[in-house]
């Protein structure tokens, strides 16, 4: 009957998807959004998977980057499989104040 994330959304390789055979809202699985602050991209991917959310990476990528913001606040309750955008920046660039 429904799924989370919704059809057409991009998720990372090995991401999570919840498939529901009924429209019963009470049966939907929810999870708490973790705090992704100051994690590397790989740490964020592992943490997201273990907590039942998907991530979309925004900003710098590669080595020397850490997460500094996310689209859904830590502690918010969301449906299992929800996509959270996590923003990354380089900590190697002294002039980076974002």
N, C-alpha and C. Protein backbone atom coordinates (compact mmCIF):
# COMPACT_ATOMS: atom_id res chain seq x y z
N UNK A 1 0.81 -1.21 0.00
CA UNK A 1 0.00 0.00 0.00
C UNK A 1 0.85 1.27 0.00
N UNK A 2 2.00 1.23 0.72
CA UNK A 2 2.86 2.41 0.76
C UNK A 2 4.28 1.99 1.12
N UNK A 3 5.19 2.96 0.99
CA UNK A 3 6.58 2.70 1.33
C UNK A 3 7.23 3.98 1.82
N UNK A 4 8.34 3.81 2.55
CA UNK A 4 9.13 4.94 3.00
C UNK A 4 10.60 4.59 2.79
N UNK A 5 11.35 5.43 2.07
CA UNK A 5 10.93 6.69 1.47
C UNK A 5 10.00 6.44 0.28
N UNK A 6 9.33 7.49 -0.13
CA UNK A 6 8.38 7.41 -1.25
C UNK A 6 9.10 7.04 -2.54
N UNK A 7 8.37 6.46 -3.46
CA UNK A 7 8.93 6.10 -4.77
C UNK A 7 9.55 7.30 -5.45
N UNK A 8 10.62 7.06 -6.16
CA UNK A 8 11.30 8.11 -6.91
C UNK A 8 12.39 8.83 -6.13
N UNK A 9 12.49 8.60 -4.81
CA UNK A 9 13.55 9.23 -4.03
C UNK A 9 14.81 8.40 -4.14
N UNK A 10 15.94 9.08 -4.15
CA UNK A 10 17.23 8.42 -4.21
C UNK A 10 17.69 8.08 -2.80
N UNK A 11 18.22 6.86 -2.64
CA UNK A 11 18.79 6.46 -1.36
C UNK A 11 20.17 5.89 -1.62
N UNK A 12 21.02 5.86 -0.60
CA UNK A 12 22.36 5.32 -0.81
C UNK A 12 22.34 3.81 -1.03
N UNK A 13 23.39 3.31 -1.64
CA UNK A 13 23.55 1.86 -1.79
C UNK A 13 23.42 1.23 -0.42
N UNK A 14 22.71 0.13 -0.32
CA UNK A 14 22.43 -0.56 0.93
C UNK A 14 21.54 0.25 1.87
N UNK A 15 20.80 1.23 1.34
CA UNK A 15 19.87 2.01 2.15
C UNK A 15 18.70 1.17 2.60
N UNK A 16 17.83 1.76 3.41
CA UNK A 16 16.69 1.03 3.96
C UNK A 16 15.39 1.54 3.38
N UNK A 17 14.45 0.63 3.13
CA UNK A 17 13.13 0.96 2.63
C UNK A 17 12.12 0.16 3.43
N UNK A 18 11.07 0.83 3.91
CA UNK A 18 9.98 0.15 4.61
C UNK A 18 8.83 -0.02 3.64
N UNK A 19 8.33 -1.23 3.50
CA UNK A 19 7.19 -1.53 2.63
C UNK A 19 6.02 -1.91 3.53
N UNK A 20 4.87 -1.25 3.32
CA UNK A 20 3.69 -1.50 4.14
C UNK A 20 2.59 -2.13 3.31
N UNK A 21 2.02 -3.21 3.82
CA UNK A 21 0.94 -3.92 3.13
C UNK A 21 -0.42 -3.35 3.50
N UNK A 22 -0.46 -2.41 4.42
CA UNK A 22 -1.71 -1.81 4.87
C UNK A 22 -1.53 -0.30 4.99
N UNK A 23 -2.61 0.44 4.97
CA UNK A 23 -2.54 1.89 5.15
C UNK A 23 -2.67 2.28 6.61
N UNK A 24 -2.69 1.31 7.51
CA UNK A 24 -2.87 1.56 8.94
C UNK A 24 -1.68 2.35 9.49
N UNK A 25 -1.92 3.62 9.84
CA UNK A 25 -0.86 4.49 10.36
C UNK A 25 -0.24 3.94 11.64
N UNK A 26 -1.02 3.23 12.45
CA UNK A 26 -0.51 2.71 13.71
C UNK A 26 0.54 1.62 13.51
N UNK A 27 0.54 0.97 12.35
CA UNK A 27 1.50 -0.10 12.08
C UNK A 27 2.81 0.41 11.49
N UNK A 28 2.87 1.68 11.13
CA UNK A 28 4.10 2.22 10.53
C UNK A 28 5.20 2.29 11.57
N UNK A 29 6.39 1.92 11.14
CA UNK A 29 7.56 1.89 12.01
C UNK A 29 8.18 3.29 12.06
N UNK A 30 8.47 3.77 13.26
CA UNK A 30 9.13 5.06 13.40
C UNK A 30 10.47 4.88 14.11
N UNK A 31 11.36 5.82 13.85
CA UNK A 31 12.68 5.83 14.46
C UNK A 31 13.01 7.26 14.86
N UNK A 32 14.01 7.40 15.71
CA UNK A 32 14.48 8.72 16.12
C UNK A 32 15.68 9.09 15.26
N UNK A 33 15.68 10.32 14.73
CA UNK A 33 16.79 10.77 13.89
C UNK A 33 18.03 10.95 14.76
N UNK A 34 19.14 10.30 14.39
CA UNK A 34 20.38 10.45 15.17
C UNK A 34 21.05 11.81 14.93
N UNK A 35 21.98 12.13 15.80
CA UNK A 35 22.79 13.34 15.66
C UNK A 35 24.02 12.98 14.84
N UNK A 36 24.11 13.52 13.64
CA UNK A 36 25.22 13.22 12.74
C UNK A 36 26.37 14.22 12.87
N UNK A 37 26.34 15.10 13.85
CA UNK A 37 27.35 16.16 14.00
C UNK A 37 28.77 15.61 14.06
N UNK A 38 29.65 16.25 13.30
CA UNK A 38 31.09 15.99 13.33
C UNK A 38 31.50 14.58 12.94
N UNK A 39 30.69 13.92 12.13
CA UNK A 39 31.04 12.59 11.65
C UNK A 39 31.57 12.67 10.22
N UNK A 40 32.41 11.72 9.85
CA UNK A 40 32.85 11.62 8.46
C UNK A 40 31.69 11.07 7.63
N UNK A 41 31.84 11.10 6.33
CA UNK A 41 30.80 10.56 5.45
C UNK A 41 30.60 9.07 5.71
N UNK A 42 31.68 8.31 5.82
CA UNK A 42 31.55 6.87 6.06
C UNK A 42 30.91 6.58 7.42
N UNK A 43 31.29 7.34 8.45
CA UNK A 43 30.67 7.15 9.77
C UNK A 43 29.18 7.47 9.70
N UNK A 44 28.83 8.53 8.98
CA UNK A 44 27.44 8.92 8.84
C UNK A 44 26.63 7.84 8.13
N UNK A 45 27.19 7.26 7.08
CA UNK A 45 26.50 6.19 6.35
C UNK A 45 26.22 5.00 7.26
N UNK A 46 27.24 4.58 8.01
CA UNK A 46 27.07 3.43 8.91
C UNK A 46 26.04 3.72 10.01
N UNK A 47 26.12 4.89 10.59
CA UNK A 47 25.22 5.28 11.67
C UNK A 47 23.78 5.36 11.16
N UNK A 48 23.59 5.97 10.00
CA UNK A 48 22.25 6.10 9.43
C UNK A 48 21.63 4.73 9.19
N UNK A 49 22.40 3.83 8.61
CA UNK A 49 21.89 2.48 8.33
C UNK A 49 21.51 1.76 9.63
N UNK A 50 22.34 1.88 10.65
CA UNK A 50 22.06 1.19 11.91
C UNK A 50 20.83 1.75 12.62
N UNK A 51 20.49 3.01 12.33
CA UNK A 51 19.36 3.65 12.99
C UNK A 51 18.08 3.66 12.14
N UNK A 52 18.15 3.11 10.91
CA UNK A 52 16.95 2.97 10.08
C UNK A 52 16.55 4.19 9.29
N UNK A 53 17.51 5.09 9.01
CA UNK A 53 17.23 6.23 8.14
C UNK A 53 18.19 6.19 6.96
N UNK A 54 17.83 6.89 5.91
CA UNK A 54 18.70 7.05 4.75
C UNK A 54 19.27 8.46 4.77
N UNK A 55 20.40 8.65 4.11
CA UNK A 55 20.99 9.99 4.04
C UNK A 55 21.20 10.41 2.60
N UNK A 56 21.16 11.70 2.41
CA UNK A 56 21.55 12.34 1.16
C UNK A 56 22.71 13.24 1.55
N UNK A 57 23.83 13.11 0.88
CA UNK A 57 25.03 13.87 1.20
C UNK A 57 25.03 15.17 0.42
N UNK A 58 25.32 16.27 1.11
CA UNK A 58 25.39 17.57 0.47
C UNK A 58 26.66 18.28 0.94
N UNK A 59 27.28 19.02 0.02
CA UNK A 59 28.50 19.76 0.36
C UNK A 59 29.74 19.04 -0.08
N UNK A 60 30.83 19.28 0.62
CA UNK A 60 32.12 18.68 0.29
C UNK A 60 32.09 17.17 0.46
N UNK A 61 32.89 16.50 -0.33
CA UNK A 61 33.05 15.06 -0.15
C UNK A 61 34.53 14.73 -0.21
N UNK A 62 34.88 13.52 0.17
CA UNK A 62 36.27 13.11 0.17
C UNK A 62 36.82 13.09 1.58
N UNK A 63 38.14 13.03 1.68
CA UNK A 63 38.76 12.96 3.00
C UNK A 63 38.79 14.35 3.62
N UNK A 64 38.85 14.40 4.94
CA UNK A 64 38.96 15.67 5.63
C UNK A 64 37.68 16.45 5.74
N UNK A 65 36.52 15.78 5.65
CA UNK A 65 35.25 16.49 5.79
C UNK A 65 34.47 15.93 6.97
N UNK A 66 33.69 16.79 7.60
CA UNK A 66 32.82 16.39 8.70
C UNK A 66 31.45 16.99 8.49
N UNK A 67 30.45 16.36 9.10
CA UNK A 67 29.09 16.88 8.99
C UNK A 67 28.90 18.05 9.95
N UNK A 68 28.13 19.05 9.51
CA UNK A 68 27.91 20.22 10.36
C UNK A 68 26.43 20.58 10.49
N UNK A 69 25.55 19.97 9.69
CA UNK A 69 24.13 20.28 9.78
C UNK A 69 23.35 19.13 9.15
N UNK A 70 22.05 19.08 9.45
CA UNK A 70 21.21 18.05 8.86
C UNK A 70 19.81 18.60 8.71
N UNK A 71 19.05 18.05 7.72
CA UNK A 71 17.74 18.59 7.36
C UNK A 71 16.66 18.29 8.38
N UNK A 72 16.82 17.26 9.17
CA UNK A 72 15.86 16.93 10.23
C UNK A 72 16.64 16.89 11.54
N UNK A 73 16.15 17.61 12.52
CA UNK A 73 16.87 17.75 13.79
C UNK A 73 17.04 16.41 14.51
N UNK A 74 18.17 16.24 15.18
CA UNK A 74 18.37 15.04 15.99
C UNK A 74 17.25 14.90 17.02
N UNK A 75 16.81 13.67 17.21
CA UNK A 75 15.76 13.42 18.19
C UNK A 75 14.35 13.44 17.63
N UNK A 76 14.18 13.99 16.41
CA UNK A 76 12.85 14.00 15.79
C UNK A 76 12.44 12.58 15.47
N UNK A 77 11.16 12.28 15.61
CA UNK A 77 10.63 10.97 15.27
C UNK A 77 10.16 11.00 13.83
N UNK A 78 10.65 10.06 13.02
CA UNK A 78 10.31 9.99 11.61
C UNK A 78 9.98 8.55 11.24
N UNK A 79 9.41 8.37 10.07
CA UNK A 79 9.11 7.04 9.58
C UNK A 79 10.41 6.33 9.18
N UNK A 80 10.51 5.05 9.49
CA UNK A 80 11.65 4.22 9.12
C UNK A 80 11.93 4.41 7.64
N UNK A 81 13.19 4.65 7.27
CA UNK A 81 13.57 4.82 5.88
C UNK A 81 13.56 6.25 5.39
N UNK A 82 13.15 7.20 6.23
CA UNK A 82 13.13 8.61 5.85
C UNK A 82 14.51 9.05 5.39
N UNK A 83 14.55 9.93 4.39
CA UNK A 83 15.81 10.47 3.89
C UNK A 83 16.14 11.76 4.63
N UNK A 84 17.33 11.80 5.23
CA UNK A 84 17.83 12.98 5.94
C UNK A 84 19.01 13.51 5.14
N UNK A 85 18.96 14.80 4.76
CA UNK A 85 20.10 15.41 4.09
C UNK A 85 21.11 15.82 5.16
N UNK A 86 22.36 15.37 4.97
CA UNK A 86 23.43 15.70 5.91
C UNK A 86 24.44 16.55 5.14
N UNK A 87 24.78 17.71 5.72
CA UNK A 87 25.66 18.68 5.08
C UNK A 87 27.08 18.53 5.62
N UNK A 88 28.04 18.50 4.70
CA UNK A 88 29.44 18.30 5.05
C UNK A 88 30.29 19.48 4.62
N UNK A 89 31.36 19.72 5.37
CA UNK A 89 32.35 20.74 4.99
C UNK A 89 33.74 20.24 5.35
N UNK A 90 34.71 20.82 4.71
CA UNK A 90 36.10 20.46 4.96
C UNK A 90 36.58 21.15 6.23
N UNK A 91 37.27 20.42 7.07
CA UNK A 91 37.87 21.04 8.24
C UNK A 91 39.33 21.38 7.98
N UNK A 92 39.80 21.08 6.77
CA UNK A 92 41.19 21.38 6.43
C UNK A 92 41.38 22.78 5.89
N UNK A 93 40.28 23.44 5.49
CA UNK A 93 40.36 24.79 4.94
C UNK A 93 40.16 25.80 6.07
N UNK A 94 41.17 26.50 6.44
CA UNK A 94 41.13 27.44 7.57
C UNK A 94 40.08 28.52 7.34
N UNK A 95 39.90 28.95 6.11
CA UNK A 95 38.96 30.02 5.81
C UNK A 95 37.51 29.59 5.74
N UNK A 96 37.21 28.32 5.94
CA UNK A 96 35.84 27.80 5.84
C UNK A 96 35.07 28.13 7.09
N UNK A 97 34.09 29.03 7.00
CA UNK A 97 33.31 29.45 8.18
C UNK A 97 31.85 29.09 8.06
N UNK A 98 31.49 28.26 7.10
CA UNK A 98 30.09 27.88 6.91
C UNK A 98 29.60 27.00 8.03
